[in-house]
Amino acid sequence: MSTFNPRFDARTAPARQAGYDGFALASLVTAMMLIPFVPIILGFVGRARCRRTGKQGMGIAMTGIVLGVVAVIVWMAFFVAFMTFYASHTGA
């Protein structure tokens, strides 16, 4: 006697997909290259895709977002330092 229950059938259960989300990985890679703004956008897209598809990469996407924010701060600091240096040496 078979006790088949379609609610608990392995074929209908949402399986966790193998591998990491590409957007999450791209967020981390662009953040490590100190490219501003891009890793933040890719990180949020990657987190949403991880939630929707079940792929791994939520932590990688969050790391990309945090490092992306750090990249923006570093670029802003360089910009302010450059403008200060330029203004002090040109007499403006």
Protein backbone atom coordinates (compact mmCIF):
# COMPACT_ATOMS: atom_id res chain seq x y z
CA MET A 1 0.00 0.00 0.00
CA SER A 2 1.39 3.33 -1.08
CA THR A 3 1.10 6.41 1.10
CA PHE A 4 1.63 8.99 -1.64
CA ASN A 5 0.87 12.49 -0.47
CA PRO A 6 1.29 15.17 -3.18
CA ARG A 7 1.87 17.90 -0.59
CA PHE A 8 5.13 16.27 0.50
CA ASP A 9 6.31 14.96 -2.83
CA ALA A 10 10.03 15.54 -3.39
CA ARG A 11 9.37 16.59 -6.97
CA THR A 12 7.21 19.55 -5.89
CA ALA A 13 9.38 20.73 -2.99
CA PRO A 14 11.42 23.83 -3.81
CA ALA A 15 15.00 22.67 -3.87
CA ARG A 16 17.86 24.95 -2.92
CA GLN A 17 19.85 25.56 -6.06
CA ALA A 18 23.55 24.89 -6.03
CA GLY A 19 26.07 27.66 -6.45
CA TYR A 20 26.24 31.34 -5.70
CA ASP A 21 24.25 34.11 -7.31
CA GLY A 22 26.19 35.91 -10.02
CA PHE A 23 25.04 39.37 -8.95
CA ALA A 24 26.22 38.73 -5.40
CA LEU A 25 29.64 37.66 -6.65
CA ALA A 26 29.82 40.63 -9.03
CA SER A 27 29.00 42.91 -6.11
CA LEU A 28 31.90 41.54 -4.09
CA VAL A 29 34.35 41.71 -6.99
CA THR A 30 33.48 45.30 -7.94
CA ALA A 31 33.64 46.31 -4.27
CA MET A 32 37.15 44.89 -3.93
CA MET A 33 38.15 46.95 -6.97
CA LEU A 34 36.91 50.08 -5.12
CA ILE A 35 34.42 50.96 -7.85
CA PRO A 36 31.86 53.28 -6.23
CA PHE A 37 28.05 52.76 -6.38
CA VAL A 38 28.10 49.67 -8.64
CA PRO A 39 28.61 47.08 -5.84
CA ILE A 40 25.81 48.62 -3.81
CA ILE A 41 23.32 48.19 -6.64
CA LEU A 42 24.58 44.72 -7.54
CA GLY A 43 24.48 43.69 -3.88
CA PHE A 44 20.83 44.63 -3.44
CA VAL A 45 19.90 42.90 -6.69
CA GLY A 46 21.89 39.83 -5.63
CA ARG A 47 20.18 39.67 -2.23
CA ALA A 48 16.75 39.87 -3.86
CA ARG A 49 17.65 37.13 -6.33
CA CYS A 50 19.02 34.92 -3.53
CA ARG A 51 15.77 35.29 -1.64
CA ARG A 52 13.70 34.56 -4.74
CA THR A 53 15.69 31.66 -6.21
CA GLY A 54 17.13 30.11 -3.07
CA LYS A 55 20.72 30.32 -4.28
CA GLN A 56 23.54 31.00 -1.88
CA GLY A 57 25.18 34.39 -1.65
CA MET A 58 23.26 36.52 0.84
CA GLY A 59 26.40 37.11 2.92
CA ILE A 60 28.52 37.76 -0.16
CA ALA A 61 26.01 40.32 -1.39
CA MET A 62 25.94 42.05 2.00
CA THR A 63 29.74 42.13 2.07
CA GLY A 64 29.68 43.72 -1.39
CA ILE A 65 27.20 46.34 -0.18
CA VAL A 66 29.28 47.22 2.88
CA LEU A 67 32.52 47.37 0.89
CA GLY A 68 30.72 49.42 -1.76
CA VAL A 69 29.75 51.98 0.87
CA VAL A 70 33.37 52.01 2.05
CA ALA A 71 34.48 52.56 -1.57
CA VAL A 72 32.14 55.55 -1.87
CA ILE A 73 33.55 57.03 1.34
CA VAL A 74 37.14 56.47 0.16
CA TRP A 75 36.43 58.11 -3.21
CA MET A 76 34.76 61.06 -1.49
CA ALA A 77 37.77 61.46 0.82
CA PHE A 78 40.14 61.40 -2.16
CA PHE A 79 38.00 63.95 -3.96
CA VAL A 80 37.92 66.31 -0.96
CA ALA A 81 41.67 65.90 -0.42
CA PHE A 82 42.38 66.59 -4.09
CA MET A 83 40.16 69.67 -4.16
CA THR A 84 41.74 70.98 -0.98
CA PHE A 85 45.22 70.42 -2.37
CA TYR A 86 44.28 71.99 -5.71
CA ALA A 87 42.67 75.03 -4.09
CA SER A 88 45.64 75.65 -1.80
CA HIS A 89 48.18 75.45 -4.63
CA THR A 90 46.36 77.51 -7.25
CA GLY A 91 45.43 80.44 -5.02
CA ALA A 92 41.70 79.95 -5.52
